[in-house]
Amino acid sequence: MPTECNPDSYDFARVERRSVVAAFDGGAITTDAGGLLLGATDRAIGLVDRFAGCFQDVRAAELIEHEVKTLVGQRVFGIALGYEDLNDHDTLRHDPVMAVLAGKLQARRQDAPRSPASRR
């Protein structure tokens, strides 16, 4: 009798009431799925929260799309995933793993730029 040791999918923490599942059947694809493990580790130790607490946000609240924590997290996770240059984030903002790491799948402001996938 063969033993089945490899699951078809892996479940991660939910984001905005949506399931985050790593599967091997296509769909929204990323090459940085290891970022999900970074996110789980960050939630366990609170590194991004503590780091973001070092900054004072003096921006106009009504114009803010991304909280300081989100911006710091984007930079920390980007560096950890090998994206040292800030210009990489223009492409990464459409990556589903980066959205999961930010804990934000939808733009809050109506006038915020949207990814091609979110316009459907």
N, C-alpha and C. Protein backbone atom coordinates (compact mmCIF):
# COMPACT_ATOMS: atom_id res chain seq x y z
N MET A 1 0.85 -1.17 0.00
CA MET A 1 0.00 0.00 0.00
C MET A 1 0.90 1.24 0.00
N PRO A 2 0.80 2.10 -1.03
CA PRO A 2 1.65 3.30 -1.10
C PRO A 2 1.21 4.35 -0.07
N THR A 3 2.18 5.09 0.41
CA THR A 3 1.92 6.17 1.37
C THR A 3 1.92 7.49 0.62
N GLU A 4 0.90 8.30 0.84
CA GLU A 4 0.81 9.62 0.20
C GLU A 4 1.33 10.65 1.18
N CYS A 5 2.53 11.20 0.92
CA CYS A 5 3.16 12.15 1.83
C CYS A 5 3.09 13.58 1.33
N ASN A 6 2.74 13.79 0.11
CA ASN A 6 2.73 15.13 -0.47
C ASN A 6 1.30 15.63 -0.64
N PRO A 7 0.90 16.63 0.15
CA PRO A 7 -0.45 17.17 -0.03
C PRO A 7 -0.57 17.93 -1.35
N ASP A 8 -1.79 18.04 -1.85
CA ASP A 8 -2.04 18.77 -3.10
C ASP A 8 -1.96 20.27 -2.90
N SER A 9 -2.18 20.72 -1.66
CA SER A 9 -2.14 22.16 -1.40
C SER A 9 -1.76 22.41 0.05
N TYR A 10 -1.36 23.67 0.31
CA TYR A 10 -1.00 24.12 1.65
C TYR A 10 -1.82 25.36 1.98
N ASP A 11 -2.42 25.39 3.15
CA ASP A 11 -3.21 26.54 3.59
C ASP A 11 -2.36 27.46 4.44
N PHE A 12 -2.51 28.79 4.22
CA PHE A 12 -1.83 29.81 5.01
C PHE A 12 -2.88 30.68 5.67
N ALA A 13 -2.45 31.66 6.45
CA ALA A 13 -3.37 32.55 7.16
C ALA A 13 -4.25 33.29 6.16
N ARG A 14 -5.51 33.53 6.53
CA ARG A 14 -6.46 34.24 5.67
C ARG A 14 -6.09 35.72 5.58
N VAL A 15 -6.45 36.36 4.46
CA VAL A 15 -6.26 37.79 4.25
C VAL A 15 -7.58 38.36 3.79
N GLU A 16 -8.09 39.35 4.51
CA GLU A 16 -9.37 39.98 4.18
C GLU A 16 -10.45 38.93 3.92
N ARG A 17 -10.58 37.97 4.81
CA ARG A 17 -11.58 36.90 4.76
C ARG A 17 -11.42 35.97 3.56
N ARG A 18 -10.29 36.05 2.86
CA ARG A 18 -10.06 35.16 1.72
C ARG A 18 -9.00 34.14 2.08
N SER A 19 -9.16 32.93 1.60
CA SER A 19 -8.19 31.87 1.84
C SER A 19 -6.94 32.12 1.02
N VAL A 20 -5.79 31.77 1.59
CA VAL A 20 -4.52 31.81 0.88
C VAL A 20 -4.03 30.38 0.83
N VAL A 21 -3.96 29.84 -0.38
CA VAL A 21 -3.62 28.45 -0.57
C VAL A 21 -2.50 28.33 -1.59
N ALA A 22 -1.48 27.56 -1.26
CA ALA A 22 -0.44 27.24 -2.23
C ALA A 22 -0.82 25.91 -2.85
N ALA A 23 -1.07 25.93 -4.14
CA ALA A 23 -1.45 24.71 -4.86
C ALA A 23 -0.59 24.60 -6.11
N PHE A 24 -0.76 23.53 -6.80
CA PHE A 24 0.10 23.26 -7.95
C PHE A 24 -0.73 23.05 -9.21
N ASP A 25 -1.84 23.79 -9.30
CA ASP A 25 -2.74 23.60 -10.44
C ASP A 25 -2.94 24.88 -11.26
N GLY A 26 -2.03 25.83 -11.17
CA GLY A 26 -2.13 27.05 -11.97
C GLY A 26 -2.85 28.15 -11.22
N GLY A 27 -3.48 29.04 -11.92
CA GLY A 27 -4.15 30.18 -11.29
C GLY A 27 -3.18 31.33 -11.14
N ALA A 28 -3.42 32.21 -10.17
CA ALA A 28 -2.53 33.34 -9.91
C ALA A 28 -1.19 32.79 -9.45
N ILE A 29 -0.15 33.04 -10.22
CA ILE A 29 1.14 32.40 -9.98
C ILE A 29 2.18 33.41 -9.55
N THR A 30 3.06 32.99 -8.65
CA THR A 30 4.18 33.80 -8.20
C THR A 30 5.42 32.92 -8.14
N THR A 31 6.56 33.52 -8.30
CA THR A 31 7.80 32.77 -8.12
C THR A 31 8.35 32.96 -6.72
N ASP A 32 7.64 33.73 -5.88
CA ASP A 32 8.12 34.07 -4.54
C ASP A 32 7.24 33.48 -3.44
N ALA A 33 6.75 32.26 -3.62
CA ALA A 33 5.87 31.66 -2.62
C ALA A 33 6.56 31.50 -1.27
N GLY A 34 7.89 31.46 -1.25
CA GLY A 34 8.61 31.41 0.01
C GLY A 34 8.32 32.63 0.88
N GLY A 35 7.84 33.68 0.26
CA GLY A 35 7.44 34.88 1.01
C GLY A 35 6.32 34.59 1.99
N LEU A 36 5.49 33.58 1.71
CA LEU A 36 4.43 33.22 2.64
C LEU A 36 5.02 32.74 3.96
N LEU A 37 6.14 32.03 3.89
CA LEU A 37 6.81 31.59 5.12
C LEU A 37 7.42 32.78 5.86
N LEU A 38 7.95 33.75 5.10
CA LEU A 38 8.45 34.98 5.73
C LEU A 38 7.32 35.70 6.45
N GLY A 39 6.16 35.77 5.82
CA GLY A 39 5.01 36.43 6.44
C GLY A 39 4.56 35.73 7.71
N ALA A 40 4.54 34.40 7.69
CA ALA A 40 4.16 33.64 8.89
C ALA A 40 5.17 33.87 10.01
N THR A 41 6.43 33.92 9.65
CA THR A 41 7.48 34.19 10.64
C THR A 41 7.33 35.59 11.21
N ASP A 42 7.05 36.57 10.34
CA ASP A 42 6.87 37.94 10.81
C ASP A 42 5.69 38.05 11.77
N ARG A 43 4.59 37.37 11.45
CA ARG A 43 3.44 37.40 12.36
C ARG A 43 3.79 36.81 13.72
N ALA A 44 4.66 35.80 13.71
CA ALA A 44 5.05 35.16 14.97
C ALA A 44 5.95 36.04 15.82
N ILE A 45 6.88 36.79 15.20
CA ILE A 45 7.84 37.58 15.98
C ILE A 45 7.57 39.08 15.95
N GLY A 46 6.69 39.54 15.05
CA GLY A 46 6.31 40.95 15.02
C GLY A 46 7.42 41.91 14.59
N LEU A 47 8.33 41.46 13.75
CA LEU A 47 9.45 42.29 13.34
C LEU A 47 9.00 43.56 12.60
N VAL A 48 8.14 43.42 11.61
CA VAL A 48 7.71 44.60 10.83
C VAL A 48 6.94 45.57 11.71
N ASP A 49 6.08 45.08 12.58
CA ASP A 49 5.35 45.97 13.50
C ASP A 49 6.31 46.77 14.37
N ARG A 50 7.31 46.11 14.92
CA ARG A 50 8.27 46.80 15.78
C ARG A 50 9.11 47.80 14.99
N PHE A 51 9.52 47.42 13.81
CA PHE A 51 10.32 48.29 12.96
C PHE A 51 9.50 49.51 12.52
N ALA A 52 8.25 49.29 12.11
CA ALA A 52 7.38 50.40 11.68
C ALA A 52 7.10 51.36 12.84
N GLY A 53 7.11 50.85 14.07
CA GLY A 53 6.90 51.69 15.23
C GLY A 53 8.00 52.72 15.46
N CYS A 54 9.09 52.58 14.75
CA CYS A 54 10.21 53.53 14.85
C CYS A 54 9.98 54.79 14.03
N PHE A 55 8.94 54.80 13.20
CA PHE A 55 8.68 55.92 12.31
C PHE A 55 7.48 56.72 12.76
N GLN A 56 7.52 58.02 12.54
CA GLN A 56 6.39 58.89 12.83
C GLN A 56 5.77 59.29 11.50
N ASP A 57 4.47 59.03 11.34
CA ASP A 57 3.77 59.32 10.09
C ASP A 57 3.09 60.68 10.18
N VAL A 58 3.56 61.63 9.40
CA VAL A 58 2.99 62.98 9.43
C VAL A 58 2.24 63.29 8.14
N ARG A 59 1.89 62.26 7.37
CA ARG A 59 1.16 62.47 6.12
C ARG A 59 -0.31 62.79 6.40
N ALA A 60 -0.98 63.41 5.44
CA ALA A 60 -2.41 63.72 5.56
C ALA A 60 -3.20 62.41 5.53
N ALA A 61 -3.92 62.10 6.59
CA ALA A 61 -4.60 60.82 6.75
C ALA A 61 -5.56 60.51 5.60
N GLU A 62 -6.24 61.51 5.07
CA GLU A 62 -7.23 61.27 4.02
C GLU A 62 -6.59 60.89 2.68
N LEU A 63 -5.29 61.10 2.56
CA LEU A 63 -4.59 60.78 1.31
C LEU A 63 -3.77 59.49 1.38
N ILE A 64 -3.79 58.86 2.53
CA ILE A 64 -2.95 57.67 2.74
C ILE A 64 -3.62 56.43 2.17
N GLU A 65 -2.91 55.75 1.30
CA GLU A 65 -3.35 54.45 0.78
C GLU A 65 -2.64 53.33 1.54
N HIS A 66 -1.37 53.53 1.86
CA HIS A 66 -0.58 52.49 2.53
C HIS A 66 -0.07 53.00 3.87
N GLU A 67 -0.35 52.24 4.93
CA GLU A 67 0.14 52.60 6.26
C GLU A 67 1.65 52.40 6.30
N VAL A 68 2.30 53.02 7.28
CA VAL A 68 3.75 52.89 7.43
C VAL A 68 4.13 51.42 7.55
N LYS A 69 3.36 50.66 8.31
CA LYS A 69 3.65 49.24 8.47
C LYS A 69 3.68 48.54 7.12
N THR A 70 2.76 48.86 6.23
CA THR A 70 2.71 48.24 4.91
C THR A 70 3.94 48.63 4.09
N LEU A 71 4.32 49.90 4.14
CA LEU A 71 5.50 50.36 3.39
C LEU A 71 6.78 49.72 3.90
N VAL A 72 6.93 49.65 5.22
CA VAL A 72 8.11 49.02 5.81
C VAL A 72 8.13 47.54 5.47
N GLY A 73 6.98 46.89 5.59
CA GLY A 73 6.89 45.47 5.27
C GLY A 73 7.25 45.19 3.81
N GLN A 74 6.77 46.03 2.91
CA GLN A 74 7.08 45.87 1.49
C GLN A 74 8.60 45.90 1.28
N ARG A 75 9.24 46.84 1.92
CA ARG A 75 10.69 46.98 1.75
C ARG A 75 11.45 45.82 2.38
N VAL A 76 11.07 45.44 3.60
CA VAL A 76 11.73 44.34 4.31
C VAL A 76 11.54 43.03 3.54
N PHE A 77 10.31 42.73 3.15
CA PHE A 77 10.05 41.49 2.43
C PHE A 77 10.71 41.52 1.05
N GLY A 78 10.70 42.67 0.39
CA GLY A 78 11.36 42.78 -0.91
C GLY A 78 12.84 42.46 -0.81
N ILE A 79 13.51 43.02 0.19
CA ILE A 79 14.94 42.74 0.37
C ILE A 79 15.15 41.26 0.69
N ALA A 80 14.31 40.71 1.58
CA ALA A 80 14.46 39.30 1.95
C ALA A 80 14.24 38.37 0.75
N LEU A 81 13.42 38.79 -0.20
CA LEU A 81 13.16 37.98 -1.39
C LEU A 81 14.15 38.25 -2.52
N GLY A 82 15.12 39.14 -2.26
CA GLY A 82 16.16 39.39 -3.25
C GLY A 82 15.95 40.58 -4.15
N TYR A 83 14.98 41.44 -3.83
CA TYR A 83 14.70 42.63 -4.62
C TYR A 83 15.29 43.84 -3.90
N GLU A 84 16.57 44.11 -4.15
CA GLU A 84 17.24 45.20 -3.45
C GLU A 84 16.82 46.57 -3.96
N ASP A 85 16.45 46.66 -5.23
CA ASP A 85 16.15 47.95 -5.85
C ASP A 85 14.69 48.33 -5.67
N LEU A 86 14.44 49.58 -5.34
CA LEU A 86 13.07 50.04 -5.16
C LEU A 86 12.26 49.98 -6.45
N ASN A 87 12.92 50.11 -7.60
CA ASN A 87 12.17 50.08 -8.85
C ASN A 87 11.52 48.71 -9.10
N ASP A 88 11.98 47.66 -8.43
CA ASP A 88 11.35 46.34 -8.55
C ASP A 88 9.92 46.35 -8.00
N HIS A 89 9.63 47.25 -7.08
CA HIS A 89 8.33 47.25 -6.43
C HIS A 89 7.21 47.71 -7.35
N ASP A 90 7.52 48.38 -8.44
CA ASP A 90 6.48 48.75 -9.39
C ASP A 90 5.87 47.50 -10.00
N THR A 91 6.70 46.48 -10.24
CA THR A 91 6.20 45.20 -10.75
C THR A 91 5.65 44.34 -9.62
N LEU A 92 6.32 44.35 -8.48
CA LEU A 92 5.90 43.51 -7.35
C LEU A 92 4.53 43.89 -6.80
N ARG A 93 4.09 45.11 -7.03
CA ARG A 93 2.78 45.50 -6.49
C ARG A 93 1.64 44.72 -7.12
N HIS A 94 1.90 44.02 -8.22
CA HIS A 94 0.90 43.17 -8.85
C HIS A 94 1.07 41.70 -8.47
N ASP A 95 2.07 41.38 -7.65
CA ASP A 95 2.34 40.00 -7.27
C ASP A 95 1.39 39.57 -6.15
N PRO A 96 0.70 38.44 -6.30
CA PRO A 96 -0.26 38.02 -5.26
C PRO A 96 0.38 37.77 -3.91
N VAL A 97 1.63 37.30 -3.86
CA VAL A 97 2.28 37.05 -2.57
C VAL A 97 2.55 38.37 -1.85
N MET A 98 2.97 39.40 -2.57
CA MET A 98 3.20 40.69 -1.92
C MET A 98 1.89 41.27 -1.37
N ALA A 99 0.78 41.04 -2.06
CA ALA A 99 -0.52 41.48 -1.55
C ALA A 99 -0.86 40.75 -0.26
N VAL A 100 -0.59 39.46 -0.22
CA VAL A 100 -0.84 38.68 0.99
C VAL A 100 0.04 39.17 2.13
N LEU A 101 1.33 39.43 1.84
CA LEU A 101 2.24 39.90 2.88
C LEU A 101 1.82 41.27 3.41
N ALA A 102 1.25 42.09 2.55
CA ALA A 102 0.76 43.40 2.98
C ALA A 102 -0.56 43.28 3.73
N GLY A 103 -1.21 42.12 3.63
CA GLY A 103 -2.51 41.93 4.28
C GLY A 103 -3.60 42.76 3.64
N LYS A 104 -3.45 43.02 2.35
CA LYS A 104 -4.36 43.93 1.68
C LYS A 104 -4.53 43.50 0.23
N LEU A 105 -5.71 43.03 -0.11
CA LEU A 105 -5.96 42.56 -1.46
C LEU A 105 -6.67 43.60 -2.32
N GLN A 106 -7.31 44.56 -1.70
CA GLN A 106 -8.06 45.59 -2.42
C GLN A 106 -7.57 46.97 -2.01
N ALA A 107 -7.56 47.91 -2.97
CA ALA A 107 -7.22 49.30 -2.66
C ALA A 107 -8.32 49.90 -1.80
N ARG A 108 -7.94 50.76 -0.87
CA ARG A 108 -8.92 51.41 0.01
C ARG A 108 -9.54 52.64 -0.66
N ARG A 109 -8.72 53.38 -1.40
CA ARG A 109 -9.21 54.60 -2.05
C ARG A 109 -9.78 54.27 -3.41
N GLN A 110 -10.85 54.97 -3.78
CA GLN A 110 -11.46 54.76 -5.09
C GLN A 110 -10.54 55.19 -6.22
N ASP A 111 -9.69 56.22 -5.98
CA ASP A 111 -8.83 56.74 -7.04
C ASP A 111 -7.44 56.10 -7.05
N ALA A 112 -7.23 55.04 -6.27
CA ALA A 112 -5.93 54.38 -6.22
C ALA A 112 -5.69 53.59 -7.50
N PRO A 113 -4.44 53.55 -7.98
CA PRO A 113 -4.13 52.74 -9.17
C PRO A 113 -4.42 51.28 -8.89
N ARG A 114 -4.92 50.57 -9.86
CA ARG A 114 -5.27 49.16 -9.68
C ARG A 114 -4.44 48.30 -10.61
N SER A 115 -4.21 47.06 -10.17
CA SER A 115 -3.48 46.12 -11.01
C SER A 115 -4.42 45.63 -12.10
N PRO A 116 -3.88 45.13 -13.20
CA PRO A 116 -4.74 44.61 -14.27
C PRO A 116 -5.66 43.50 -13.77
N ALA A 117 -5.21 42.65 -12.87
CA ALA A 117 -6.03 41.55 -12.36
C ALA A 117 -7.21 42.04 -11.53
N SER A 118 -7.05 43.15 -10.79
CA SER A 118 -8.12 43.63 -9.92
C SER A 118 -9.17 44.43 -10.67
N ARG A 119 -8.94 44.73 -11.93
CA ARG A 119 -9.90 45.50 -12.73
C ARG A 119 -10.98 44.62 -13.32
N ARG A 120 -10.83 43.33 -13.23
CA ARG A 120 -11.79 42.40 -13.85
C ARG A 120 -13.08 42.35 -13.10
